[in-house]
C-alpha atoms as a PDB file:
ATOM      1  CA  MET A   1      18.583  79.164  30.761  1.00  0.00           C
ATOM      2  CA  ARG A   2      17.081  82.321  32.262  1.00  0.00           C
ATOM      3  CA  ARG A   3      18.281  84.446  29.326  1.00  0.00           C
ATOM      4  CA  ALA A   4      16.710  81.983  26.855  1.00  0.00           C
ATOM      5  CA  ARG A   5      13.349  82.247  28.635  1.00  0.00           C
ATOM      6  CA  LEU A   6      13.522  86.026  28.561  1.00  0.00           C
ATOM      7  CA  GLY A   7      14.317  85.967  24.846  1.00  0.00           C
ATOM      8  CA  THR A   8      11.415  83.602  24.192  1.00  0.00           C
ATOM      9  CA  PHE A   9       9.093  85.813  26.250  1.00  0.00           C
ATOM     10  CA  ILE A  10      10.140  88.942  24.329  1.00  0.00           C
ATOM     11  CA  ALA A  11       9.857  87.168  20.960  1.00  0.00           C
ATOM     12  CA  LEU A  12       6.362  85.908  21.787  1.00  0.00           C
ATOM     13  CA  GLY A  13       5.360  89.390  22.958  1.00  0.00           C
ATOM     14  CA  VAL A  14       6.539  90.919  19.694  1.00  0.00           C
ATOM     15  CA  VAL A  15       4.702  88.266  17.664  1.00  0.00           C
ATOM     16  CA  VAL A  16       1.481  88.884  19.611  1.00  0.00           C
ATOM     17  CA  ALA A  17       1.839  92.665  19.211  1.00  0.00           C
ATOM     18  CA  LEU A  18       2.467  92.309  15.462  1.00  0.00           C
ATOM     19  CA  ALA A  19      -0.505  89.974  15.050  1.00  0.00           C
ATOM     20  CA  LEU A  20      -2.803  92.319  16.964  1.00  0.00           C
ATOM     21  CA  ALA A  21      -1.542  95.322  15.017  1.00  0.00           C
ATOM     22  CA  PHE A  22      -2.142  93.650  11.674  1.00  0.00           C
ATOM     23  CA  PHE A  23      -5.358  91.723  12.305  1.00  0.00           C
ATOM     24  CA  VAL A  24      -7.188  93.825  14.919  1.00  0.00           C
ATOM     25  CA  SER A  25      -6.306  97.428  14.053  1.00  0.00           C
ATOM     26  CA  PRO A  26      -8.469  97.439  10.887  1.00  0.00           C
ATOM     27  CA  TYR A  27     -11.485  96.936  13.181  1.00  0.00           C
ATOM     28  CA  ALA A  28     -10.772 100.010  15.328  1.00  0.00           C
ATOM     29  CA  SER A  29     -13.566 102.532  15.510  1.00  0.00           C
ATOM     30  CA  SER A  30     -13.468 105.375  13.012  1.00  0.00           C
ATOM     31  CA  GLN A  31     -15.307 107.606  15.525  1.00  0.00           C
ATOM     32  CA  PRO A  32     -13.255 110.287  17.318  1.00  0.00           C
ATOM     33  CA  ASP A  33     -11.637 109.140  20.558  1.00  0.00           C
ATOM     34  CA  GLY A  34     -12.231 110.933  23.872  1.00  0.00           C
ATOM     35  CA  LEU A  35      -9.856 113.844  23.389  1.00  0.00           C
ATOM     36  CA  ASN A  36     -10.929 114.459  19.789  1.00  0.00           C
ATOM     37  CA  LYS A  37     -14.597 114.220  20.786  1.00  0.00           C
ATOM     38  CA  VAL A  38     -14.152 116.835  23.502  1.00  0.00           C
ATOM     39  CA  ALA A  39     -12.305 119.120  21.056  1.00  0.00           C
ATOM     40  CA  ILE A  40     -15.161 118.784  18.565  1.00  0.00           C
ATOM     41  CA  ASP A  41     -17.819 119.324  21.241  1.00  0.00           C
ATOM     42  CA  GLN A  42     -16.037 122.440  22.540  1.00  0.00           C
ATOM     43  CA  GLY A  43     -15.427 123.865  19.048  1.00  0.00           C
ATOM     44  CA  LEU A  44     -11.653 123.581  19.346  1.00  0.00           C
ATOM     45  CA  ASP A  45     -11.482 121.668  16.078  1.00  0.00           C
ATOM     46  CA  GLN A  46     -12.203 124.966  14.277  1.00  0.00           C
ATOM     47  CA  GLN A  47      -8.639 126.033  15.127  1.00  0.00           C
ATOM     48  CA  GLU A  48      -7.119 122.826  13.805  1.00  0.00           C
ATOM     49  CA  GLN A  49      -4.028 123.259  11.644  1.00  0.00           C
ATOM     50  CA  PRO A  50      -2.229 120.773   9.382  1.00  0.00           C
ATOM     51  CA  HIS A  51       0.265 118.582  11.204  1.00  0.00           C
ATOM     52  CA  ALA A  52       3.920 118.928  10.217  1.00  0.00           C
ATOM     53  CA  LEU A  53       4.183 115.167   9.599  1.00  0.00           C
ATOM     54  CA  GLU A  54       0.938 114.688   7.661  1.00  0.00           C
ATOM     55  CA  ASP A  55       2.883 113.970   4.463  1.00  0.00           C
ATOM     56  CA  LEU A  56       4.564 110.866   5.882  1.00  0.00           C
ATOM     57  CA  PRO A  57       3.663 107.587   4.138  1.00  0.00           C
ATOM     58  CA  THR A  58       1.953 106.273   7.281  1.00  0.00           C
ATOM     59  CA  ALA A  59       0.035 109.397   8.322  1.00  0.00           C
ATOM     60  CA  GLY A  60      -3.647 108.874   9.052  1.00  0.00           C
ATOM     61  CA  TYR A  61      -3.432 105.271  10.332  1.00  0.00           C
ATOM     62  CA  GLY A  62      -2.758 103.836   6.902  1.00  0.00           C
ATOM     63  CA  VAL A  63       0.002 103.344   4.358  1.00  0.00           C
ATOM     64  CA  ARG A  64      -0.221 105.769   1.469  1.00  0.00           C
ATOM     65  CA  GLY A  65      -0.480 104.092  -1.924  1.00  0.00           C
ATOM     66  CA  ILE A  66      -2.260 100.939  -0.731  1.00  0.00           C
ATOM     67  CA  ARG A  67      -5.874 101.032  -1.878  1.00  0.00           C
ATOM     68  CA  ASN A  68      -7.186  98.202   0.301  1.00  0.00           C
ATOM     69  CA  GLU A  69      -8.104 100.058   3.500  1.00  0.00           C
ATOM     70  CA  ARG A  70      -7.863  97.020   5.795  1.00  0.00           C
ATOM     71  CA  LEU A  71      -4.451  96.036   4.418  1.00  0.00           C
ATOM     72  CA  SER A  72      -3.256  99.643   4.601  1.00  0.00           C
ATOM     73  CA  THR A  73      -4.318  99.962   8.246  1.00  0.00           C
ATOM     74  CA  GLY A  74      -2.826  96.590   9.159  1.00  0.00           C
ATOM     75  CA  LEU A  75       0.505  97.455   7.560  1.00  0.00           C
ATOM     76  CA  ALA A  76       0.557 100.813   9.340  1.00  0.00           C
ATOM     77  CA  GLY A  77       0.029  98.904  12.597  1.00  0.00           C
ATOM     78  CA  LEU A  78       2.929  96.577  11.787  1.00  0.00           C
ATOM     79  CA  ILE A  79       5.174  99.535  10.987  1.00  0.00           C
ATOM     80  CA  GLY A  80       4.151 101.261  14.214  1.00  0.00           C
ATOM     81  CA  VAL A  81       4.890  98.206  16.339  1.00  0.00           C
ATOM     82  CA  GLY A  82       8.221  97.704  14.578  1.00  0.00           C
ATOM     83  CA  VAL A  83       9.304 101.323  15.044  1.00  0.00           C
ATOM     84  CA  THR A  84       8.190 101.336  18.688  1.00  0.00           C
ATOM     85  CA  PHE A  85      10.045  98.086  19.401  1.00  0.00           C
ATOM     86  CA  ALA A  86      13.192  99.371  17.662  1.00  0.00           C
ATOM     87  CA  LEU A  87      13.125 102.638  19.638  1.00  0.00           C
ATOM     88  CA  GLY A  88      12.582 100.761  22.901  1.00  0.00           C
ATOM     89  CA  LEU A  89      15.403  98.355  22.097  1.00  0.00           C
ATOM     90  CA  GLY A  90      17.694 101.273  21.251  1.00  0.00           C
ATOM     91  CA  LEU A  91      16.830 103.058  24.494  1.00  0.00           C
ATOM     92  CA  PHE A  92      17.420  99.850  26.435  1.00  0.00           C
ATOM     93  CA  ALA A  93      20.831  99.462  24.767  1.00  0.00           C
ATOM     94  CA  LEU A  94      21.763 103.058  25.659  1.00  0.00           C
ATOM     95  CA  VAL A  95      20.783 102.616  29.302  1.00  0.00           C
ATOM     96  CA  ARG A  96      22.534  99.269  29.534  1.00  0.00           C
ATOM     97  CA  GLY A  97      25.680 100.697  27.931  1.00  0.00           C
ATOM     98  CA  ALA A  98      25.666 103.669  30.293  1.00  0.00           C
ATOM     99  CA  ARG A  99      25.378 101.383  33.302  1.00  0.00           C
ATOM    100  CA  ARG A 100      28.244  99.209  32.108  1.00  0.00           C
ATOM    101  CA  THR A 101      30.531 102.224  31.828  1.00  0.00           C
ATOM    102  CA  GLY A 102      29.443 103.512  35.240  1.00  0.00           C
ATOM    103  CA  HIS A 103      27.452 106.486  33.936  1.00  0.00           C
ATOM    104  CA  ASP A 104      23.990 106.026  35.415  1.00  0.00           C
ATOM    105  CA  PRO A 105      21.616 108.098  33.205  1.00  0.00           C
ATOM    106  CA  ALA A 106      19.214 108.664  36.099  1.00  0.00           C
ATOM    107  CA  PRO A 107      20.068 111.752  38.205  1.00  0.00           C
END
């Protein structure tokens, strides 16, 4: 019973995160955030160099090849949530497996 409630809680959390990523992310401000604003104000943006991953299909908060900006941003949000959840789940599985075998990953 307890495991079923945890599974339901996680599933609902993922659904909420996916919905927010798809429907709310297109409304995010296009203005620079705090760190970018400070870099611009201090002239540090003059030293900006291309990022090594800028050619990825989801670079720049959108999905390359999709012309509708809102849809592109929403899909990038979905992909981001999915990748983050998968990485977290994988890390959880590694830690759980290590504990089962008696190898605690924490020093």
